[in-house]
Amino acid sequence: MNLPLPLLKLIAANCHSKWKPFSRMLSSSLPSPALLLQIPTLFKTSVLQILPLRTKLNGYACKDAANITAADFFFQGLAKPGAPSIPTAASVQKIPGLNTLGVSMTRVDFAPGGLNPPHTHPRATEISFLLEGELDVGFITTSNVLISKTMKKGEVFVFPRGLVHFQKNNGDKPAAALGAFNSQLPGTQSIAATLFAATPEVPDNVLTKAFQIGTKEVDKIKSRFV
């Protein structure tokens, strides 16, 4: 993990007592070679285990090592099916212990004909594992090429970071997929909702020109997101 020097100094200044040597090692303008060798080992643990609650990293509070519990690293929300086509996220927002660890998961359940509409994850690549059913999946490259596949139970498909992708159940049986991310909070930006349900609204003259449609069509699409 490559962390900027100011962040390392903040961490060392607020660390649990057993990490105080790092505070002294970071007091100079450049980290010592010894520190550079030890930092990867230090940060193989969750930030919850080394920082007190008054400190925040990535906008999330950290806890003293003496106060952490199994609940900080546990989430049962993926055990059962969720609402159709609505992702259930197991991110740092639900699992505090994920802060700084750079991983998270999600589950999406699909009714027959269900769709996880075109969207992106600006901060992560997603690897999707199909729990049951079949899904037609795909992403669009920056060269505007569609890369698609029909997934069957037990198969895996990768959606590269930041690229628009989708999942569609074209079968007559329910389907379910798990997604894993290399980010504690990958973010999700749905293309249609982003453009037609933004607040304040995207100007109609932008949407009409971008999609080559009239104002009435824009208003009709917007009304479906109310």
C-alpha atoms as a PDB file:
ATOM      1  CA  MET A   1       0.000   0.000   0.000  1.00  0.00           C
ATOM      2  CA  ASN A   2       1.475   3.351  -1.066  1.00  0.00           C
ATOM      3  CA  LEU A   3       0.344   6.083   1.317  1.00  0.00           C
ATOM      4  CA  PRO A   4       1.283   9.781   1.022  1.00  0.00           C
ATOM      5  CA  LEU A   5       3.648  11.133   3.674  1.00  0.00           C
ATOM      6  CA  PRO A   6       1.089  13.528   5.281  1.00  0.00           C
ATOM      7  CA  LEU A   7      -1.299  10.606   5.789  1.00  0.00           C
ATOM      8  CA  LEU A   8       1.452   8.473   7.282  1.00  0.00           C
ATOM      9  CA  LYS A   9       2.282  11.267   9.725  1.00  0.00           C
ATOM     10  CA  LEU A  10      -1.393  11.579  10.702  1.00  0.00           C
ATOM     11  CA  ILE A  11      -1.613   7.855  11.314  1.00  0.00           C
ATOM     12  CA  ALA A  12       1.572   7.755  13.360  1.00  0.00           C
ATOM     13  CA  ALA A  13       0.486  10.747  15.439  1.00  0.00           C
ATOM     14  CA  ASN A  14      -2.807   9.087  16.359  1.00  0.00           C
ATOM     15  CA  CYS A  15      -1.751   5.469  16.536  1.00  0.00           C
ATOM     16  CA  HIS A  16      -2.204   3.096  19.416  1.00  0.00           C
ATOM     17  CA  SER A  17       0.758   3.195  21.803  1.00  0.00           C
ATOM     18  CA  LYS A  18       2.382   0.115  20.345  1.00  0.00           C
ATOM     19  CA  TRP A  19       2.853   2.008  17.057  1.00  0.00           C
ATOM     20  CA  LYS A  20       4.401   5.143  18.594  1.00  0.00           C
ATOM     21  CA  PRO A  21       7.854   4.359  17.151  1.00  0.00           C
ATOM     22  CA  PHE A  22       6.372   5.225  13.756  1.00  0.00           C
ATOM     23  CA  SER A  23       5.620   8.735  14.974  1.00  0.00           C
ATOM     24  CA  ARG A  24       9.302   9.335  15.679  1.00  0.00           C
ATOM     25  CA  MET A  25      10.343   7.719  12.418  1.00  0.00           C
ATOM     26  CA  LEU A  26       8.021  10.065  10.493  1.00  0.00           C
ATOM     27  CA  SER A  27       9.191  13.236  12.213  1.00  0.00           C
ATOM     28  CA  SER A  28      11.707  13.973   9.463  1.00  0.00           C
ATOM     29  CA  SER A  29      10.777  15.284   6.040  1.00  0.00           C
ATOM     30  CA  LEU A  30      11.394  11.882   4.438  1.00  0.00           C
ATOM     31  CA  PRO A  31      10.626   8.426   5.859  1.00  0.00           C
ATOM     32  CA  SER A  32      13.643   6.375   6.839  1.00  0.00           C
ATOM     33  CA  PRO A  33      14.501   3.203   4.873  1.00  0.00           C
ATOM     34  CA  ALA A  34      13.590   1.185   7.967  1.00  0.00           C
ATOM     35  CA  LEU A  35      10.106   2.718   7.997  1.00  0.00           C
ATOM     36  CA  LEU A  36       9.596   2.045   4.316  1.00  0.00           C
ATOM     37  CA  LEU A  37      10.379  -1.600   4.928  1.00  0.00           C
ATOM     38  CA  GLN A  38       7.968  -1.856   7.856  1.00  0.00           C
ATOM     39  CA  ILE A  39       4.972   0.061   6.470  1.00  0.00           C
ATOM     40  CA  PRO A  40       3.637  -2.805   4.290  1.00  0.00           C
ATOM     41  CA  THR A  41       3.592  -5.088   7.314  1.00  0.00           C
ATOM     42  CA  LEU A  42       1.884  -2.449   9.453  1.00  0.00           C
ATOM     43  CA  PHE A  43      -0.947  -1.905   7.002  1.00  0.00           C
ATOM     44  CA  LYS A  44      -1.790  -5.546   6.407  1.00  0.00           C
ATOM     45  CA  THR A  45      -4.310  -5.063   9.225  1.00  0.00           C
ATOM     46  CA  SER A  46      -7.521  -3.043   9.218  1.00  0.00           C
ATOM     47  CA  VAL A  47      -7.294   0.585  10.255  1.00  0.00           C
ATOM     48  CA  LEU A  48      -9.784  -0.281  13.005  1.00  0.00           C
ATOM     49  CA  GLN A  49      -7.000  -2.166  14.737  1.00  0.00           C
ATOM     50  CA  ILE A  50      -4.487   0.690  14.873  1.00  0.00           C
ATOM     51  CA  LEU A  51      -6.296   4.022  15.075  1.00  0.00           C
ATOM     52  CA  PRO A  52      -8.422   5.567  17.825  1.00  0.00           C
ATOM     53  CA  LEU A  53     -12.049   6.540  17.172  1.00  0.00           C
ATOM     54  CA  ARG A  54     -11.293  10.277  16.973  1.00  0.00           C
ATOM     55  CA  THR A  55      -9.337   9.678  13.761  1.00  0.00           C
ATOM     56  CA  LYS A  56     -11.051   9.399  10.391  1.00  0.00           C
ATOM     57  CA  LEU A  57      -9.683   7.923   7.192  1.00  0.00           C
ATOM     58  CA  ASN A  58     -11.668   8.038   3.951  1.00  0.00           C
ATOM     59  CA  GLY A  59     -14.408   9.770   5.950  1.00  0.00           C
ATOM     60  CA  TYR A  60     -14.998   6.827   8.287  1.00  0.00           C
ATOM     61  CA  ALA A  61     -14.173   6.734  11.996  1.00  0.00           C
ATOM     62  CA  CYS A  62     -11.463   4.445  13.315  1.00  0.00           C
ATOM     63  CA  LYS A  63     -11.567   2.622  16.648  1.00  0.00           C
ATOM     64  CA  ASP A  64      -8.976   1.855  19.265  1.00  0.00           C
ATOM     65  CA  ALA A  65      -7.748  -1.719  19.034  1.00  0.00           C
ATOM     66  CA  ALA A  66      -9.107  -2.402  22.516  1.00  0.00           C
ATOM     67  CA  ASN A  67     -12.654  -1.567  21.414  1.00  0.00           C
ATOM     68  CA  ILE A  68     -13.066  -3.525  18.200  1.00  0.00           C
ATOM     69  CA  THR A  69     -15.454  -6.483  18.119  1.00  0.00           C
ATOM     70  CA  ALA A  70     -16.423  -9.200  15.666  1.00  0.00           C
ATOM     71  CA  ALA A  71     -19.428  -7.050  14.708  1.00  0.00           C
ATOM     72  CA  ASP A  72     -17.033  -4.575  13.059  1.00  0.00           C
ATOM     73  CA  PHE A  73     -16.079  -7.294  10.570  1.00  0.00           C
ATOM     74  CA  PHE A  74     -19.415  -9.071  10.101  1.00  0.00           C
ATOM     75  CA  PHE A  75     -22.446  -8.616   7.809  1.00  0.00           C
ATOM     76  CA  GLN A  76     -25.249 -11.092   7.123  1.00  0.00           C
ATOM     77  CA  GLY A  77     -27.060  -9.064   4.484  1.00  0.00           C
ATOM     78  CA  LEU A  78     -25.931 -11.249   1.584  1.00  0.00           C
ATOM     79  CA  ALA A  79     -27.261 -14.478   3.115  1.00  0.00           C
ATOM     80  CA  LYS A  80     -30.788 -14.034   1.776  1.00  0.00           C
ATOM     81  CA  PRO A  81     -32.210 -12.824  -1.553  1.00  0.00           C
ATOM     82  CA  GLY A  82     -32.798  -9.097  -1.777  1.00  0.00           C
ATOM     83  CA  ALA A  83     -35.370  -7.079  -3.694  1.00  0.00           C
ATOM     84  CA  PRO A  84     -35.273  -7.942  -7.401  1.00  0.00           C
ATOM     85  CA  SER A  85     -32.615  -6.017  -9.353  1.00  0.00           C
ATOM     86  CA  ILE A  86     -31.660  -3.955  -6.275  1.00  0.00           C
ATOM     87  CA  PRO A  87     -28.028  -4.563  -5.239  1.00  0.00           C
ATOM     88  CA  THR A  88     -27.309  -5.329  -1.587  1.00  0.00           C
ATOM     89  CA  ALA A  89     -23.863  -3.952  -0.783  1.00  0.00           C
ATOM     90  CA  ALA A  90     -21.402  -5.293   1.772  1.00  0.00           C
ATOM     91  CA  SER A  91     -19.157  -2.240   1.818  1.00  0.00           C
ATOM     92  CA  VAL A  92     -17.444  -0.089   4.448  1.00  0.00           C
ATOM     93  CA  GLN A  93     -20.824   1.535   5.060  1.00  0.00           C
ATOM     94  CA  LYS A  94     -22.061  -1.776   6.493  1.00  0.00           C
ATOM     95  CA  ILE A  95     -18.749  -3.331   7.637  1.00  0.00           C
ATOM     96  CA  PRO A  96     -16.579  -0.758   9.481  1.00  0.00           C
ATOM     97  CA  GLY A  97     -13.596  -3.110   9.538  1.00  0.00           C
ATOM     98  CA  LEU A  98     -13.264  -2.794   5.751  1.00  0.00           C
ATOM     99  CA  ASN A  99     -11.915   0.752   6.097  1.00  0.00           C
ATOM    100  CA  THR A 100      -8.536   0.893   4.283  1.00  0.00           C
ATOM    101  CA  LEU A 101      -8.664  -2.792   3.292  1.00  0.00           C
ATOM    102  CA  GLY A 102      -9.775  -2.080  -0.269  1.00  0.00           C
ATOM    103  CA  VAL A 103     -12.377  -4.838  -0.726  1.00  0.00           C
ATOM    104  CA  SER A 104     -16.183  -5.164  -0.701  1.00  0.00           C
ATOM    105  CA  MET A 105     -18.994  -7.296  -2.123  1.00  0.00           C
ATOM    106  CA  THR A 106     -22.534  -7.063  -3.418  1.00  0.00           C
ATOM    107  CA  ARG A 107     -25.444  -9.360  -4.199  1.00  0.00           C
ATOM    108  CA  VAL A 108     -28.073  -8.865  -6.881  1.00  0.00           C
ATOM    109  CA  ASP A 109     -31.146 -11.083  -7.300  1.00  0.00           C
ATOM    110  CA  PHE A 110     -33.027 -11.170 -10.588  1.00  0.00           C
ATOM    111  CA  ALA A 111     -36.613 -12.138 -11.307  1.00  0.00           C
ATOM    112  CA  PRO A 112     -37.242 -13.606 -14.782  1.00  0.00           C
ATOM    113  CA  GLY A 113     -36.660 -10.751 -17.197  1.00  0.00           C
ATOM    114  CA  GLY A 114     -34.942  -8.695 -14.491  1.00  0.00           C
ATOM    115  CA  LEU A 115     -32.245  -6.150 -15.316  1.00  0.00           C
ATOM    116  CA  ASN A 116     -29.374  -4.505 -13.502  1.00  0.00           C
ATOM    117  CA  PRO A 117     -29.292  -1.513 -15.878  1.00  0.00           C
ATOM    118  CA  PRO A 118     -26.180  -0.046 -17.480  1.00  0.00           C
ATOM    119  CA  HIS A 119     -23.979   1.498 -14.777  1.00  0.00           C
ATOM    120  CA  THR A 120     -20.378   2.022 -13.756  1.00  0.00           C
ATOM    121  CA  HIS A 121     -18.261   1.625 -10.630  1.00  0.00           C
ATOM    122  CA  PRO A 122     -15.847   4.585 -10.748  1.00  0.00           C
ATOM    123  CA  ARG A 123     -13.550   3.275  -8.028  1.00  0.00           C
ATOM    124  CA  ALA A 124     -13.330  -0.466  -8.666  1.00  0.00           C
ATOM    125  CA  THR A 125     -13.184  -3.449 -10.965  1.00  0.00           C
ATOM    126  CA  GLU A 126     -15.947  -5.998 -10.310  1.00  0.00           C
ATOM    127  CA  ILE A 127     -15.668  -9.768 -10.568  1.00  0.00           C
ATOM    128  CA  SER A 128     -19.111 -11.362 -10.706  1.00  0.00           C
ATOM    129  CA  PHE A 129     -19.931 -14.939  -9.627  1.00  0.00           C
ATOM    130  CA  LEU A 130     -23.279 -16.444 -10.650  1.00  0.00           C
ATOM    131  CA  LEU A 131     -24.944 -18.206  -7.722  1.00  0.00           C
ATOM    132  CA  GLU A 132     -27.914 -19.537  -9.680  1.00  0.00           C
ATOM    133  CA  GLY A 133     -29.755 -19.178 -12.954  1.00  0.00           C
ATOM    134  CA  GLU A 134     -28.396 -17.616 -16.144  1.00  0.00           C
ATOM    135  CA  LEU A 135     -27.503 -14.013 -16.934  1.00  0.00           C
ATOM    136  CA  ASP A 136     -26.606 -12.169 -20.109  1.00  0.00           C
ATOM    137  CA  VAL A 137     -23.846  -9.755 -19.096  1.00  0.00           C
ATOM    138  CA  GLY A 138     -21.551  -7.319 -20.832  1.00  0.00           C
ATOM    139  CA  PHE A 139     -19.488  -4.167 -20.748  1.00  0.00           C
ATOM    140  CA  ILE A 140     -18.610  -1.523 -23.325  1.00  0.00           C
ATOM    141  CA  THR A 141     -14.964  -0.644 -23.888  1.00  0.00           C
ATOM    142  CA  THR A 142     -13.628   2.880 -24.373  1.00  0.00           C
ATOM    143  CA  SER A 143     -13.498   2.014 -28.094  1.00  0.00           C
ATOM    144  CA  ASN A 144     -17.283   1.480 -27.948  1.00  0.00           C
ATOM    145  CA  VAL A 145     -17.030  -2.287 -28.367  1.00  0.00           C
ATOM    146  CA  LEU A 146     -19.494  -4.540 -26.535  1.00  0.00           C
ATOM    147  CA  ILE A 147     -17.896  -7.483 -24.711  1.00  0.00           C
ATOM    148  CA  SER A 148     -20.694  -9.855 -23.670  1.00  0.00           C
ATOM    149  CA  LYS A 149     -21.339 -13.385 -22.466  1.00  0.00           C
ATOM    150  CA  THR A 150     -24.137 -15.624 -21.224  1.00  0.00           C
ATOM    151  CA  MET A 151     -23.219 -16.750 -17.702  1.00  0.00           C
ATOM    152  CA  LYS A 152     -24.325 -20.023 -16.146  1.00  0.00           C
ATOM    153  CA  LYS A 153     -24.327 -21.100 -12.506  1.00  0.00           C
ATOM    154  CA  GLY A 154     -20.820 -21.179 -11.002  1.00  0.00           C
ATOM    155  CA  GLU A 155     -19.235 -19.044 -13.742  1.00  0.00           C
ATOM    156  CA  VAL A 156     -17.336 -15.779 -13.353  1.00  0.00           C
ATOM    157  CA  PHE A 157     -17.222 -12.584 -15.423  1.00  0.00           C
ATOM    158  CA  VAL A 158     -15.138  -9.430 -14.908  1.00  0.00           C
ATOM    159  CA  PHE A 159     -16.304  -5.845 -15.387  1.00  0.00           C
ATOM    160  CA  PRO A 160     -13.241  -3.552 -15.626  1.00  0.00           C
ATOM    161  CA  ARG A 161     -13.136  -0.451 -13.479  1.00  0.00           C
ATOM    162  CA  GLY A 162     -15.150   2.510 -14.724  1.00  0.00           C
ATOM    163  CA  LEU A 163     -16.641   0.806 -17.791  1.00  0.00           C
ATOM    164  CA  VAL A 164     -20.384   0.786 -18.424  1.00  0.00           C
ATOM    165  CA  HIS A 165     -21.814  -2.703 -17.844  1.00  0.00           C
ATOM    166  CA  PHE A 166     -25.110  -4.528 -17.322  1.00  0.00           C
ATOM    167  CA  GLN A 167     -26.684  -7.839 -16.215  1.00  0.00           C
ATOM    168  CA  LYS A 168     -29.951  -9.184 -17.668  1.00  0.00           C
ATOM    169  CA  ASN A 169     -31.937 -12.293 -16.797  1.00  0.00           C
ATOM    170  CA  ASN A 170     -33.452 -13.421 -20.084  1.00  0.00           C
ATOM    171  CA  GLY A 171     -34.500 -16.766 -18.654  1.00  0.00           C
ATOM    172  CA  ASP A 172     -37.755 -17.930 -17.091  1.00  0.00           C
ATOM    173  CA  LYS A 173     -36.200 -18.704 -13.683  1.00  0.00           C
ATOM    174  CA  PRO A 174     -34.756 -16.439 -10.970  1.00  0.00           C
ATOM    175  CA  ALA A 175     -31.024 -15.734 -10.949  1.00  0.00           C
ATOM    176  CA  ALA A 176     -28.603 -14.383  -8.371  1.00  0.00           C
ATOM    177  CA  ALA A 177     -25.053 -13.046  -8.578  1.00  0.00           C
ATOM    178  CA  LEU A 178     -22.338 -12.049  -6.133  1.00  0.00           C
ATOM    179  CA  GLY A 179     -19.915  -9.275  -7.017  1.00  0.00           C
ATOM    180  CA  ALA A 180     -16.520  -8.614  -5.442  1.00  0.00           C
ATOM    181  CA  PHE A 181     -14.672  -5.282  -5.732  1.00  0.00           C
ATOM    182  CA  ASN A 182     -11.135  -4.057  -5.139  1.00  0.00           C
ATOM    183  CA  SER A 183     -12.473  -1.061  -3.235  1.00  0.00           C
ATOM    184  CA  GLN A 184     -14.112  -0.661   0.160  1.00  0.00           C
ATOM    185  CA  LEU A 185     -16.665   1.660  -1.487  1.00  0.00           C
ATOM    186  CA  PRO A 186     -16.711   1.164  -5.277  1.00  0.00           C
ATOM    187  CA  GLY A 187     -19.529   3.615  -5.958  1.00  0.00           C
ATOM    188  CA  THR A 188     -22.305   3.043  -8.486  1.00  0.00           C
ATOM    189  CA  GLN A 189     -23.474   5.436 -11.170  1.00  0.00           C
ATOM    190  CA  SER A 190     -26.521   4.297 -13.138  1.00  0.00           C
ATOM    191  CA  ILE A 191     -26.371   5.842 -16.588  1.00  0.00           C
ATOM    192  CA  ALA A 192     -30.095   6.485 -17.121  1.00  0.00           C
ATOM    193  CA  ALA A 193     -30.758   7.737 -13.602  1.00  0.00           C
ATOM    194  CA  THR A 194     -27.644   9.912 -13.673  1.00  0.00           C
ATOM    195  CA  LEU A 195     -28.752  11.693 -16.827  1.00  0.00           C
ATOM    196  CA  PHE A 196     -32.530  11.820 -16.384  1.00  0.00           C
ATOM    197  CA  ALA A 197     -32.949  12.054 -12.605  1.00  0.00           C
ATOM    198  CA  ALA A 198     -30.106  14.346 -11.560  1.00  0.00           C
ATOM    199  CA  THR A 199     -30.691  17.208  -9.110  1.00  0.00           C
ATOM    200  CA  PRO A 200     -30.569  19.916 -10.411  1.00  0.00           C
ATOM    201  CA  GLU A 201     -31.758  18.520 -13.722  1.00  0.00           C
ATOM    202  CA  VAL A 202     -29.481  18.098 -16.721  1.00  0.00           C
ATOM    203  CA  PRO A 203     -30.703  20.737 -19.211  1.00  0.00           C
ATOM    204  CA  ASP A 204     -33.153  19.409 -21.773  1.00  0.00           C
ATOM    205  CA  ASN A 205     -31.146  20.880 -24.648  1.00  0.00           C
ATOM    206  CA  VAL A 206     -28.163  18.756 -23.568  1.00  0.00           C
ATOM    207  CA  LEU A 207     -30.220  15.565 -23.477  1.00  0.00           C
ATOM    208  CA  THR A 208     -32.108  16.245 -26.711  1.00  0.00           C
ATOM    209  CA  LYS A 209     -28.872  16.824 -28.604  1.00  0.00           C
ATOM    210  CA  ALA A 210     -26.983  13.937 -26.991  1.00  0.00           C
ATOM    211  CA  PHE A 211     -29.737  11.376 -27.665  1.00  0.00           C
ATOM    212  CA  GLN A 212     -31.162  12.925 -30.835  1.00  0.00           C
ATOM    213  CA  ILE A 213     -34.672  13.042 -29.377  1.00  0.00           C
ATOM    214  CA  GLY A 214     -37.231  15.755 -28.744  1.00  0.00           C
ATOM    215  CA  THR A 215     -38.147  17.568 -25.531  1.00  0.00           C
ATOM    216  CA  LYS A 216     -41.341  15.527 -25.170  1.00  0.00           C
ATOM    217  CA  GLU A 217     -39.339  12.297 -25.179  1.00  0.00           C
ATOM    218  CA  VAL A 218     -36.962  13.745 -22.557  1.00  0.00           C
ATOM    219  CA  ASP A 219     -39.855  14.738 -20.323  1.00  0.00           C
ATOM    220  CA  LYS A 220     -41.438  11.307 -20.733  1.00  0.00           C
ATOM    221  CA  ILE A 221     -38.238   9.542 -19.683  1.00  0.00           C
ATOM    222  CA  LYS A 222     -37.721  11.905 -16.739  1.00  0.00           C
ATOM    223  CA  SER A 223     -41.271  11.263 -15.511  1.00  0.00           C
ATOM    224  CA  ARG A 224     -40.489   7.584 -15.101  1.00  0.00           C
ATOM    225  CA  PHE A 225     -37.777   8.361 -12.547  1.00  0.00           C
ATOM    226  CA  VAL A 226     -40.047  10.435 -10.287  1.00  0.00           C
END
